[in-house]
N, C-alpha and C. Protein backbone atom coordinates (compact mmCIF):
# COMPACT_ATOMS: atom_id res chain seq x y z
N MET A 1 55.69 92.69 151.11
CA MET A 1 55.99 91.33 151.46
C MET A 1 54.64 90.29 151.90
N SER A 2 54.32 89.34 151.40
CA SER A 2 53.21 88.92 151.50
C SER A 2 52.74 88.33 153.30
N GLN A 3 51.77 88.48 153.68
CA GLN A 3 51.53 87.89 154.82
C GLN A 3 51.49 86.44 155.13
N ILE A 4 51.70 85.56 156.19
CA ILE A 4 51.79 84.19 156.06
C ILE A 4 50.70 83.68 156.87
N TRP A 5 49.95 82.98 157.03
CA TRP A 5 48.86 82.49 157.99
C TRP A 5 49.08 80.49 157.56
N LYS A 6 49.66 80.27 158.95
CA LYS A 6 49.99 78.85 158.73
C LYS A 6 50.19 78.30 157.46
N ASN A 7 51.51 78.57 156.84
CA ASN A 7 52.42 78.60 155.89
C ASN A 7 51.69 78.87 154.33
N GLN A 8 50.35 79.57 154.24
CA GLN A 8 49.47 79.98 153.26
C GLN A 8 49.48 81.21 153.00
N ALA A 9 49.74 81.54 152.10
CA ALA A 9 49.34 83.22 151.80
C ALA A 9 48.22 83.37 151.27
N PHE A 10 47.56 84.46 150.87
CA PHE A 10 46.56 85.38 150.43
C PHE A 10 46.66 85.15 149.24
N ASN A 11 45.37 84.76 148.40
CA ASN A 11 46.26 84.46 146.66
C ASN A 11 44.35 84.82 146.57
N VAL A 12 44.73 85.78 145.08
CA VAL A 12 43.27 85.94 144.20
C VAL A 12 43.82 85.56 142.97
N SER A 13 43.42 84.80 142.02
CA SER A 13 43.31 84.48 140.65
C SER A 13 42.02 85.04 139.83
N HIS A 14 42.71 85.74 139.00
CA HIS A 14 41.78 86.37 137.87
C HIS A 14 42.13 85.67 136.67
N ALA A 15 40.86 85.42 135.43
CA ALA A 15 40.78 84.67 134.19
C ALA A 15 41.16 85.74 133.11
N ASP A 16 41.38 87.02 133.72
CA ASP A 16 41.77 87.89 132.64
C ASP A 16 43.36 88.23 132.78
N THR A 17 43.99 87.76 133.47
CA THR A 17 45.32 88.02 134.25
C THR A 17 45.92 87.03 134.28
N SER A 18 45.37 85.84 134.17
CA SER A 18 46.05 84.52 134.32
C SER A 18 46.03 83.44 132.98
N PRO A 19 46.72 83.82 131.93
CA PRO A 19 46.23 83.08 130.75
C PRO A 19 46.69 81.39 131.17
N PHE A 20 45.96 81.00 129.89
CA PHE A 20 45.91 79.52 129.63
C PHE A 20 47.56 79.31 129.11
N VAL A 21 48.21 78.25 129.02
CA VAL A 21 49.69 77.93 128.84
C VAL A 21 49.78 76.49 128.35
N GLY A 22 50.46 75.93 126.84
CA GLY A 22 50.15 74.70 126.60
C GLY A 22 51.16 73.85 127.48
N GLU A 23 51.83 74.42 128.11
CA GLU A 23 52.75 73.80 129.16
C GLU A 23 52.33 72.94 129.94
N GLY A 24 52.24 71.77 129.72
CA GLY A 24 51.72 71.07 131.12
C GLY A 24 51.96 69.87 131.30
N LEU A 25 51.45 68.60 131.46
CA LEU A 25 51.35 67.50 131.85
C LEU A 25 51.44 66.95 130.23
N ARG A 26 49.97 67.36 129.75
CA ARG A 26 49.48 66.51 128.35
C ARG A 26 49.23 67.81 127.04
N ALA A 27 50.11 67.47 125.93
CA ALA A 27 49.85 67.96 124.82
C ALA A 27 48.43 68.96 124.34
N PHE A 28 47.64 67.93 124.85
CA PHE A 28 46.38 68.05 124.05
C PHE A 28 45.61 69.17 124.78
N PHE A 29 46.08 69.37 126.26
CA PHE A 29 45.29 70.04 127.02
C PHE A 29 46.28 71.52 127.07
N GLU A 30 45.64 72.68 127.77
CA GLU A 30 46.24 73.67 127.67
C GLU A 30 45.71 74.25 129.59
N TYR A 31 46.35 74.55 130.04
CA TYR A 31 46.54 74.68 131.67
C TYR A 31 46.90 76.04 132.05
N ARG A 32 45.87 77.02 132.92
CA ARG A 32 45.82 77.99 133.97
C ARG A 32 46.01 77.74 134.86
N ASP A 33 47.16 78.11 135.27
CA ASP A 33 47.55 77.89 136.98
C ASP A 33 46.80 79.14 137.81
N LEU A 34 46.31 78.72 138.95
CA LEU A 34 45.62 79.26 139.51
C LEU A 34 45.94 80.01 141.06
N GLY A 35 47.39 79.95 140.85
CA GLY A 35 48.25 80.49 142.26
C GLY A 35 48.60 79.56 143.71
N ILE A 36 47.79 78.22 144.04
CA ILE A 36 47.47 77.70 144.98
C ILE A 36 48.96 76.97 145.41
N LYS A 37 49.46 76.99 143.93
CA LYS A 37 51.39 76.27 144.54
C LYS A 37 51.94 77.20 145.15
N ASP A 38 52.23 78.41 144.63
CA ASP A 38 52.73 79.34 145.33
C ASP A 38 52.30 79.76 146.53
N ALA A 39 50.79 79.95 146.72
CA ALA A 39 50.23 80.43 148.32
C ALA A 39 50.37 79.20 148.98
N THR A 40 50.68 78.33 148.90
CA THR A 40 50.43 76.99 149.91
C THR A 40 51.85 76.46 149.67
N GLN A 41 53.20 77.45 149.27
CA GLN A 41 54.74 76.58 149.47
C GLN A 41 54.57 75.09 148.97
N GLY A 42 53.83 74.96 147.48
CA GLY A 42 54.02 74.05 146.91
C GLY A 42 53.04 72.45 147.37
N LYS A 43 52.17 72.70 148.67
CA LYS A 43 51.96 71.69 149.18
C LYS A 43 50.54 71.46 148.46
N PHE A 44 49.80 72.57 147.53
CA PHE A 44 49.00 71.96 146.92
C PHE A 44 48.90 73.26 145.40
N GLY A 45 48.20 72.37 144.75
CA GLY A 45 48.11 73.00 143.62
C GLY A 45 46.88 72.71 142.94
N ALA A 46 46.64 73.94 141.91
CA ALA A 46 45.33 74.13 141.28
C ALA A 46 45.10 74.10 139.73
N HIS A 47 44.82 73.91 139.13
CA HIS A 47 44.66 74.30 137.43
C HIS A 47 43.40 74.54 136.85
N VAL A 48 43.15 75.25 135.94
CA VAL A 48 42.15 74.79 135.08
C VAL A 48 42.51 74.75 134.25
N ILE A 49 42.29 73.40 133.33
CA ILE A 49 42.52 72.66 131.92
C ILE A 49 41.40 72.48 131.28
N ARG A 50 41.91 73.07 129.89
CA ARG A 50 41.32 72.86 129.00
C ARG A 50 41.22 72.24 127.66
N ALA A 51 40.89 71.84 126.76
CA ALA A 51 41.58 71.11 125.59
C ALA A 51 41.72 71.93 124.36
N VAL A 52 42.44 71.37 123.51
CA VAL A 52 43.14 72.29 122.94
C VAL A 52 42.09 71.44 121.68
N PRO A 53 41.15 72.38 120.85
CA PRO A 53 40.36 71.95 120.34
C PRO A 53 40.71 71.32 119.17
N GLY A 54 40.51 70.05 118.54
CA GLY A 54 40.81 69.13 117.50
C GLY A 54 42.45 68.15 117.93
N MET A 55 42.55 68.35 119.22
CA MET A 55 43.63 66.91 120.17
C MET A 55 42.77 66.08 120.17
N GLU A 56 43.28 65.02 120.02
CA GLU A 56 42.80 63.96 120.41
C GLU A 56 44.15 63.33 121.61
N SER A 57 43.21 62.64 122.81
CA SER A 57 44.38 62.37 123.69
C SER A 57 44.75 60.70 123.00
N PRO A 58 46.12 60.68 123.19
CA PRO A 58 46.26 59.56 122.79
C PRO A 58 45.88 57.89 123.71
N GLY A 59 45.90 58.58 125.26
CA GLY A 59 44.86 57.36 125.57
C GLY A 59 46.04 56.87 126.56
N SER A 60 47.22 57.17 126.68
CA SER A 60 48.07 56.70 127.18
C SER A 60 47.83 56.12 128.84
N TRP A 61 48.16 54.80 129.49
CA TRP A 61 48.00 54.36 130.69
C TRP A 61 48.99 54.88 131.41
N HIS A 62 48.63 55.56 133.07
CA HIS A 62 49.57 56.43 133.53
C HIS A 62 49.46 56.21 135.12
N SER A 63 50.08 57.04 136.11
CA SER A 63 49.69 57.02 137.00
C SER A 63 50.52 57.90 137.75
N HIS A 64 50.08 58.33 138.82
CA HIS A 64 50.52 59.64 139.35
C HIS A 64 51.12 60.03 140.91
N GLU A 65 52.13 59.71 141.40
CA GLU A 65 52.71 59.48 142.33
C GLU A 65 52.60 61.24 143.75
N LEU A 66 51.44 61.07 144.26
CA LEU A 66 50.52 62.45 145.14
C LEU A 66 49.76 61.71 146.12
N ASP A 67 49.50 62.74 146.87
CA ASP A 67 48.41 62.52 148.02
C ASP A 67 46.87 62.47 147.89
N PHE A 68 46.88 63.51 146.65
CA PHE A 68 45.40 63.80 146.65
C PHE A 68 45.13 64.38 145.12
N GLN A 69 44.42 64.35 144.53
CA GLN A 69 44.13 64.53 143.11
C GLN A 69 42.44 64.41 142.93
N MET A 70 41.99 65.99 142.14
CA MET A 70 40.38 65.45 142.58
C MET A 70 40.18 66.33 140.92
N VAL A 71 38.78 66.10 140.22
CA VAL A 71 38.82 67.03 139.06
C VAL A 71 37.53 66.87 138.97
N TYR A 72 37.01 68.34 139.01
CA TYR A 72 35.66 68.97 138.33
C TYR A 72 35.59 69.37 137.10
N VAL A 73 34.91 68.86 136.45
CA VAL A 73 33.98 69.24 135.17
C VAL A 73 33.11 70.35 135.15
N THR A 74 33.78 71.74 134.56
CA THR A 74 32.96 72.87 134.52
C THR A 74 32.44 72.88 133.07
N LYS A 75 32.90 72.67 131.71
CA LYS A 75 32.34 72.76 130.53
C LYS A 75 32.81 70.92 129.78
N GLY A 76 31.28 70.94 129.12
CA GLY A 76 31.98 69.54 127.87
C GLY A 76 31.55 68.40 128.79
N TRP A 77 32.65 67.33 127.79
CA TRP A 77 32.78 66.08 129.00
C TRP A 77 34.46 65.49 128.61
N VAL A 78 34.77 64.46 129.21
CA VAL A 78 35.59 63.52 129.47
C VAL A 78 35.45 62.67 129.43
N VAL A 79 36.15 61.58 129.13
CA VAL A 79 36.13 60.33 128.74
C VAL A 79 37.02 59.70 129.50
N PHE A 80 37.45 59.36 131.07
CA PHE A 80 38.87 58.46 131.65
C PHE A 80 38.14 56.80 131.84
N GLU A 81 39.20 56.27 132.00
CA GLU A 81 39.69 54.63 132.29
C GLU A 81 39.93 54.59 133.42
N TYR A 82 39.87 53.60 134.15
CA TYR A 82 40.55 53.35 136.00
C TYR A 82 40.91 52.09 136.00
N GLU A 83 42.30 51.77 136.29
CA GLU A 83 41.90 50.44 136.31
C GLU A 83 41.02 49.37 137.59
N GLY A 84 40.30 48.35 137.16
CA GLY A 84 39.11 48.00 138.00
C GLY A 84 37.93 48.63 138.37
N GLN A 85 37.83 49.73 137.45
CA GLN A 85 36.93 50.61 137.60
C GLN A 85 36.15 50.73 136.55
N GLY A 86 36.98 50.61 135.39
CA GLY A 86 36.26 50.73 133.82
C GLY A 86 35.80 51.91 133.84
N GLU A 87 34.83 52.64 132.34
CA GLU A 87 35.63 54.01 131.89
C GLU A 87 34.40 54.49 132.39
N HIS A 88 34.53 56.15 132.69
CA HIS A 88 33.69 57.02 133.44
C HIS A 88 33.15 57.80 132.62
N LEU A 89 32.31 58.26 132.05
CA LEU A 89 32.04 59.63 131.28
C LEU A 89 31.31 60.89 132.28
N LEU A 90 32.57 62.00 132.48
CA LEU A 90 32.40 62.88 133.57
C LEU A 90 31.96 64.09 132.26
N ARG A 91 31.04 64.73 132.74
CA ARG A 91 30.03 65.81 132.18
C ARG A 91 30.02 66.87 133.20
N GLU A 92 29.69 67.87 132.38
CA GLU A 92 29.67 69.25 133.16
C GLU A 92 29.06 69.34 134.76
N GLY A 93 29.73 69.70 136.01
CA GLY A 93 29.30 69.52 137.24
C GLY A 93 29.54 67.72 137.72
N SER A 94 30.30 67.20 136.62
CA SER A 94 30.96 65.78 137.23
C SER A 94 31.96 65.93 138.49
N CYS A 95 32.57 65.08 139.41
CA CYS A 95 33.80 65.57 140.02
C CYS A 95 34.04 63.74 140.04
N ILE A 96 35.30 64.31 140.68
CA ILE A 96 35.78 62.68 140.88
C ILE A 96 37.03 62.64 141.44
N LEU A 97 37.35 61.74 142.65
CA LEU A 97 38.45 61.32 143.25
C LEU A 97 39.33 60.68 142.99
N GLN A 98 40.63 61.09 142.62
CA GLN A 98 41.65 59.66 141.79
C GLN A 98 42.32 59.66 142.88
N PRO A 99 42.16 58.19 143.14
CA PRO A 99 42.96 57.69 144.44
C PRO A 99 44.54 57.88 144.18
N PRO A 100 45.62 58.05 145.61
CA PRO A 100 46.78 58.18 145.30
C PRO A 100 47.67 56.60 144.05
N GLY A 101 48.27 56.91 143.09
CA GLY A 101 48.82 55.59 142.34
C GLY A 101 47.82 54.63 141.42
N ILE A 102 46.39 55.11 141.23
CA ILE A 102 45.63 54.57 140.65
C ILE A 102 45.94 54.64 139.19
N VAL A 103 46.07 53.40 138.45
CA VAL A 103 46.43 53.24 137.13
C VAL A 103 45.29 53.82 136.05
N HIS A 104 45.71 54.93 135.11
CA HIS A 104 44.19 55.35 134.27
C HIS A 104 44.41 56.15 132.91
N ARG A 105 43.47 56.29 132.47
CA ARG A 105 44.16 57.38 131.23
C ARG A 105 42.92 58.14 130.89
N GLU A 106 43.32 58.93 130.35
CA GLU A 106 42.12 60.05 129.18
C GLU A 106 41.51 59.11 127.98
N VAL A 107 40.59 58.99 127.43
CA VAL A 107 39.83 58.17 126.61
C VAL A 107 39.92 58.89 125.63
N ARG A 108 38.98 60.33 125.59
CA ARG A 108 38.50 60.82 124.65
C ARG A 108 38.03 62.31 125.55
N HIS A 109 37.72 63.41 124.70
CA HIS A 109 36.92 65.04 125.30
C HIS A 109 36.38 64.98 124.21
N SER A 110 35.33 66.21 124.62
CA SER A 110 35.02 67.26 123.95
C SER A 110 35.20 68.63 123.43
N ASP A 111 35.91 68.91 122.23
CA ASP A 111 36.88 70.44 122.23
C ASP A 111 36.52 71.19 123.16
N GLU A 112 35.43 71.29 123.74
CA GLU A 112 35.13 72.49 124.92
C GLU A 112 35.25 71.88 125.63
N MET A 113 35.80 70.87 125.95
CA MET A 113 35.54 70.33 127.77
C MET A 113 36.96 71.17 128.51
N GLU A 114 36.46 71.53 129.86
CA GLU A 114 37.92 72.21 130.78
C GLU A 114 36.97 71.87 132.40
N LEU A 115 38.27 71.93 133.02
CA LEU A 115 37.97 71.33 134.41
C LEU A 115 38.77 72.11 135.08
N ILE A 116 38.73 71.43 136.19
CA ILE A 116 39.65 72.45 137.58
C ILE A 116 40.06 71.19 137.99
N GLU A 117 41.03 70.85 138.59
CA GLU A 117 41.93 70.11 139.03
C GLU A 117 42.74 70.46 140.42
N ILE A 118 42.68 69.73 141.61
CA ILE A 118 43.57 70.12 142.52
C ILE A 118 44.51 68.90 143.00
N THR A 119 45.43 69.37 143.26
CA THR A 119 46.54 68.08 143.48
C THR A 119 47.14 68.66 145.07
N SER A 120 47.74 67.24 145.68
CA SER A 120 48.72 67.62 146.62
C SER A 120 49.44 66.59 146.78
N PRO A 121 50.74 67.05 146.30
CA PRO A 121 51.29 68.17 146.51
C PRO A 121 51.12 68.94 144.96
N SER A 122 51.84 70.01 144.92
CA SER A 122 51.48 70.56 143.29
C SER A 122 52.15 70.37 142.36
N GLN A 123 53.54 69.80 142.99
CA GLN A 123 54.12 68.65 142.20
C GLN A 123 54.40 67.43 142.28
N PHE A 124 54.52 66.43 141.23
CA PHE A 124 54.20 65.00 141.71
C PHE A 124 55.05 64.35 140.03
N ASP A 125 55.46 62.97 140.62
CA ASP A 125 55.49 62.15 139.23
C ASP A 125 54.55 61.43 138.82
N THR A 126 54.81 61.66 137.28
CA THR A 126 54.08 60.89 136.56
C THR A 126 54.64 59.59 136.25
N SER A 127 53.89 58.12 136.19
CA SER A 127 55.04 57.25 135.21
C SER A 127 54.15 56.61 134.24
N ASP A 128 54.52 56.09 133.27
CA ASP A 128 54.12 55.24 132.15
C ASP A 128 53.48 53.85 132.79
N GLU A 129 52.32 53.61 132.41
CA GLU A 129 52.22 52.38 133.14
C GLU A 129 51.68 51.25 131.70
N SER A 130 52.09 50.13 131.95
CA SER A 130 50.92 48.63 130.72
C SER A 130 49.52 48.68 131.38
N ALA A 131 48.58 48.86 130.07
CA ALA A 131 47.10 48.53 130.60
C ALA A 131 47.01 47.56 131.28
N PRO A 132 46.02 47.44 132.42
CA PRO A 132 45.70 46.72 133.14
C PRO A 132 45.06 45.70 132.63
């Protein structure tokens, strides 16, 4: 049985034992769960997300009902557009904090794009939105 410290369990995730899967929010991305959801009893979530080569984003406007969402790009580049903030090109080493409920969309990305996303909570609702 795992020991729990302040509602968190010790967790290690290795790339060679935690594969990418196509089951996630967007069909043009693949997701690798880092085990944070289970280790924090759902309070936080963390994924490595990578582009599926040759697949493009439909650029759908949406928002998320959550408390925290941070994205850090580790490879390639991605363009997001935010209501009231315009388009932002994020490249390797870029980090963005997306405030709760901000209306946004993924516009385009490189085939080699890979990023880390951290959210709270791990599960949250996503709503389709009209273009601002």
